Amino acid sequence: MDVDVKWVLQQLRETRRTQTELARYLGLEPPQMNKTLKGRRRIQDREADLIREFFRVAGPSFPQPEKLRLTYSPGMFKSEQAEEIGAGISVPLRSEMVRSLPIYGSVTAGGRRITMDKPVDYARRPRRLDDREDVFALYVDDYQMEPVIEPGKLVLLESLRPPAPGDNVVVQIKAETPDGEDQTVIKRLVATDGDSIRLAQHNPPKEFVFPLESVERIWRVMTIHDLLVG
């Protein structure tokens, strides 16, 4: 079953669900959801899968839960390394995650300073982050990091672990002039030296160099590996 705007709107009417509920389930901000339902933003493939799940409609490549079986037998892992990796992964259940992770708005290309006075919403907190007060979340409202980070997605940021070259980061940069505005960007950290920081984006490919003294804050974007393995 194809997931298009017309079908989504029909499902919302028939199930009496709201756009806000759907946006929260997809990890989108309401403005992003509004653009999508007005046809001004394309529904991503992964979002289509989640939309089917939201309305409890199985897609063509997704069997019904009662037909899905996973069994384990000795020797399933073909190497000691694979067995070690598998044993270290603990996949959290959605029901076990409390909605307590603060979301402080969105980050765009050259967006304004992040204000952390009051969260705009709360996301579900993975169990591995139960004791991490430094972690928070932002929506990405920017196409410049596609395909690594798609617009509308929620990213989790941390400050305790310093970023390394190759990590995705959110950087708060001070204004160059007294009457200018601070900006906050999401990029990939390329390198730092004694007096500058080099960042890159994917879409279109481009690098940026900022004086290190202009960097007010820098947060590391957490990965799936961080959340599942630590």
Protein backbone atom coordinates (compact mmCIF):
# COMPACT_ATOMS: atom_id res chain seq x y z
CA MET A 1 0.00 0.00 0.00
CA ASP A 2 1.43 3.34 -1.08
CA VAL A 3 1.60 6.05 1.55
CA ASP A 4 0.71 9.41 0.09
CA VAL A 5 -0.81 12.60 1.48
CA LYS A 6 -4.35 11.73 0.38
CA TRP A 7 -4.18 8.33 2.10
CA VAL A 8 -2.71 9.81 5.28
CA LEU A 9 -5.44 12.46 5.51
CA GLN A 10 -8.10 9.79 4.95
CA GLN A 11 -6.61 7.65 7.72
CA LEU A 12 -6.53 10.61 10.09
CA ARG A 13 -10.21 11.21 9.49
CA GLU A 14 -11.23 7.56 9.80
CA THR A 15 -9.19 6.84 12.92
CA ARG A 16 -9.86 10.25 14.49
CA ARG A 17 -6.16 10.66 15.17
CA THR A 18 -4.56 14.13 15.05
CA GLN A 19 -1.70 15.63 13.06
CA THR A 20 0.04 16.40 16.34
CA GLU A 21 -0.07 12.75 17.40
CA LEU A 22 1.31 11.66 14.03
CA ALA A 23 4.05 14.29 14.11
CA ARG A 24 5.13 13.17 17.58
CA TYR A 25 5.17 9.51 16.48
CA LEU A 26 7.38 10.37 13.48
CA GLY A 27 9.66 12.64 15.49
CA LEU A 28 8.66 15.68 13.43
CA GLU A 29 7.86 19.20 14.53
CA PRO A 30 4.25 20.27 13.85
CA PRO A 31 5.35 22.76 11.12
CA GLN A 32 7.17 19.93 9.31
CA MET A 33 4.09 17.73 9.58
CA ASN A 34 1.93 20.56 8.26
CA LYS A 35 4.22 21.00 5.23
CA THR A 36 4.08 17.27 4.57
CA LEU A 37 0.29 17.09 4.63
CA LYS A 38 0.06 20.10 2.33
CA GLY A 39 2.34 18.41 -0.19
CA ARG A 40 5.24 20.81 0.28
CA ARG A 41 7.52 18.15 1.82
CA ARG A 42 8.09 14.61 0.53
CA ILE A 43 7.27 11.66 2.78
CA GLN A 44 10.53 9.82 3.43
CA ASP A 45 10.64 6.03 2.97
CA ARG A 46 11.30 5.39 6.66
CA GLU A 47 8.48 7.75 7.59
CA ALA A 48 6.12 5.76 5.35
CA ASP A 49 6.91 2.62 7.35
CA LEU A 50 6.23 4.45 10.62
CA ILE A 51 2.98 5.92 9.26
CA ARG A 52 1.74 2.42 8.39
CA GLU A 53 2.64 1.36 11.92
CA PHE A 54 0.88 4.41 13.39
CA PHE A 55 -2.35 3.46 11.63
CA ARG A 56 -1.70 -0.26 12.26
CA VAL A 57 -1.51 -1.05 8.55
CA ALA A 58 1.23 -3.49 7.55
CA GLY A 59 3.28 -2.59 4.48
CA PRO A 60 4.06 -5.14 1.74
CA SER A 61 7.43 -6.11 3.21
CA PHE A 62 6.33 -6.09 6.86
CA PRO A 63 4.56 -9.25 8.09
CA GLN A 64 1.97 -9.07 10.82
CA PRO A 65 3.52 -9.46 14.29
CA GLU A 66 1.86 -12.84 14.96
CA LYS A 67 3.54 -14.27 11.83
CA LEU A 68 7.00 -13.02 12.75
CA ARG A 69 9.15 -15.60 14.54
CA LEU A 70 12.75 -15.34 15.68
CA THR A 71 14.41 -18.39 17.16
CA TYR A 72 17.91 -18.88 18.50
CA SER A 73 19.98 -22.01 18.19
CA PRO A 74 23.58 -22.73 19.24
CA GLY A 75 26.03 -21.79 16.53
CA MET A 76 23.80 -19.07 15.08
CA PHE A 77 26.68 -16.62 15.43
CA LYS A 78 29.43 -17.59 13.03
CA SER A 79 32.32 -16.04 14.92
CA GLU A 80 33.36 -15.15 18.44
CA GLN A 81 33.48 -11.50 17.40
CA ALA A 82 29.89 -11.58 16.19
CA GLU A 83 28.76 -13.31 19.39
CA GLU A 84 30.52 -10.66 21.48
CA ILE A 85 28.87 -7.84 19.51
CA GLY A 86 25.44 -9.46 19.76
CA ALA A 87 25.75 -9.97 23.50
CA GLY A 88 26.55 -6.30 24.04
CA ILE A 89 23.40 -4.98 22.39
CA SER A 90 20.30 -4.34 24.45
CA VAL A 91 17.44 -3.03 22.31
CA PRO A 92 15.14 -0.84 24.44
CA LEU A 93 11.39 -1.33 24.28
CA ARG A 94 9.39 1.79 23.50
CA SER A 95 7.12 1.10 26.49
CA GLU A 96 10.13 1.11 28.83
CA MET A 97 11.27 4.59 27.83
CA VAL A 98 9.82 7.46 29.83
CA ARG A 99 9.05 10.68 27.95
CA SER A 100 11.49 12.81 29.96
CA LEU A 101 14.22 13.85 27.51
CA PRO A 102 13.89 17.62 26.91
CA ILE A 103 13.54 18.92 23.36
CA TYR A 104 14.75 22.52 22.98
CA GLY A 105 13.40 23.39 19.55
CA SER A 106 15.18 22.92 16.23
CA VAL A 107 18.50 23.55 14.54
CA THR A 108 18.71 24.90 10.99
CA ALA A 109 21.38 26.11 8.59
CA GLY A 110 22.78 29.15 10.37
CA GLY A 111 19.89 29.12 12.83
CA ARG A 112 19.61 31.27 15.92
CA ARG A 113 21.02 30.49 19.35
CA ILE A 114 19.45 27.56 21.18
CA THR A 115 17.55 28.73 24.23
CA MET A 116 17.44 26.09 26.94
CA ASP A 117 15.16 27.90 29.37
CA LYS A 118 12.08 25.78 28.70
CA PRO A 119 11.65 22.61 26.59
CA VAL A 120 9.16 22.74 23.73
CA ASP A 121 8.40 19.05 24.26
CA TYR A 122 9.82 15.82 25.69
CA ALA A 123 11.07 12.70 23.90
CA ARG A 124 11.31 9.14 25.15
CA ARG A 125 14.55 8.62 27.08
CA PRO A 126 16.54 5.45 26.30
CA ARG A 127 17.29 3.51 29.47
CA ARG A 128 21.04 3.97 29.01
CA LEU A 129 20.51 7.72 29.43
CA ASP A 130 18.56 7.54 32.69
CA ASP A 131 21.38 9.20 34.66
CA ARG A 132 22.58 11.56 31.93
CA GLU A 133 21.48 15.11 32.71
CA ASP A 134 23.69 16.54 29.95
CA VAL A 135 21.68 14.92 27.14
CA PHE A 136 18.91 16.77 25.31
CA ALA A 137 17.29 16.69 21.88
CA LEU A 138 16.71 18.96 18.89
CA TYR A 139 14.72 18.61 15.70
CA VAL A 140 16.70 19.05 12.48
CA ASP A 141 15.04 21.54 10.15
CA ASP A 142 17.77 21.54 7.52
CA TYR A 143 18.55 19.61 4.31
CA GLN A 144 22.30 20.28 4.39
CA MET A 145 23.15 17.09 6.30
CA GLU A 146 21.18 14.73 4.03
CA PRO A 147 21.39 11.79 3.57
CA VAL A 148 23.11 11.20 6.93
CA ILE A 149 20.57 13.24 8.92
CA GLU A 150 17.23 13.87 7.26
CA PRO A 151 15.17 16.99 7.96
CA GLY A 152 12.47 16.50 10.54
CA LYS A 153 14.46 13.95 12.50
CA LEU A 154 15.21 14.22 16.19
CA VAL A 155 18.88 14.15 17.22
CA LEU A 156 20.17 13.52 20.74
CA LEU A 157 23.07 15.68 21.89
CA GLU A 158 25.59 15.24 24.68
CA SER A 159 28.25 17.49 26.18
CA LEU A 160 30.16 15.13 28.51
CA ARG A 161 31.85 13.17 25.70
CA PRO A 162 34.07 15.48 23.60
CA PRO A 163 33.51 15.14 19.84
CA ALA A 164 36.18 13.64 17.61
CA PRO A 165 36.84 14.28 13.90
CA GLY A 166 34.14 12.49 11.94
CA ASP A 167 31.44 13.03 14.56
CA ASN A 168 28.32 15.04 13.76
CA VAL A 169 28.06 18.07 16.01
CA VAL A 170 25.86 21.03 16.84
CA VAL A 171 27.94 24.17 17.28
CA GLN A 172 26.87 27.47 18.79
CA ILE A 173 28.91 30.28 17.25
CA LYS A 174 29.15 33.81 18.57
CA ALA A 175 28.28 36.73 16.31
CA GLU A 176 31.19 38.32 14.46
CA THR A 177 29.99 41.85 15.23
CA PRO A 178 28.33 43.40 18.31
CA ASP A 179 25.08 43.96 16.41
CA GLY A 180 25.12 40.53 14.77
CA GLU A 181 23.27 37.39 15.89
CA ASP A 182 24.73 34.20 17.27
CA GLN A 183 24.13 31.17 15.07
CA THR A 184 23.73 27.47 15.72
CA VAL A 185 24.63 24.93 13.02
CA ILE A 186 24.63 21.15 12.66
CA LYS A 187 27.65 19.86 10.75
CA ARG A 188 30.31 17.15 10.71
CA LEU A 189 33.49 17.90 12.62
CA VAL A 190 36.45 17.65 10.25
CA ALA A 191 39.31 18.91 12.41
CA THR A 192 40.45 21.46 14.96
CA ASP A 193 43.82 23.11 15.30
CA GLY A 194 45.23 25.75 17.59
CA ASP A 195 42.97 28.59 16.49
CA SER A 196 40.23 27.28 14.20
CA ILE A 197 37.60 24.60 13.76
CA ARG A 198 36.74 23.03 10.40
CA LEU A 199 33.20 21.75 9.76
CA ALA A 200 31.53 20.14 6.76
CA GLN A 201 28.07 19.50 5.37
CA HIS A 202 26.81 16.91 2.85
CA ASN A 203 24.17 18.66 0.76
CA PRO A 204 25.79 20.29 -1.11
CA PRO A 205 29.31 19.19 -0.05
CA LYS A 206 31.02 22.16 1.53
CA GLU A 207 33.49 22.96 4.31
CA PHE A 208 33.49 25.87 6.76
CA VAL A 209 36.25 27.28 8.95
CA PHE A 210 35.47 29.28 12.10
CA PRO A 211 37.87 30.85 14.60
CA LEU A 212 38.01 28.63 17.65
CA GLU A 213 37.45 31.65 19.88
CA SER A 214 34.05 32.17 18.22
CA VAL A 215 32.80 28.72 19.31
CA GLU A 216 30.68 29.23 22.39
CA ARG A 217 29.31 25.68 22.79
CA ILE A 218 29.70 22.38 20.96
CA TRP A 219 27.59 19.26 21.44
CA ARG A 220 28.20 15.80 20.02
CA VAL A 221 25.34 14.10 18.14
CA MET A 222 24.83 10.67 19.67
CA THR A 223 24.75 7.57 17.48
CA ILE A 224 22.67 4.40 17.57
CA HIS A 225 25.75 2.61 18.87
CA ASP A 226 25.89 5.04 21.81
CA LEU A 227 22.28 4.32 22.70
CA LEU A 228 22.38 0.53 22.32
CA VAL A 229 25.91 -0.38 23.35
CA GLY A 230 27.23 2.67 25.19
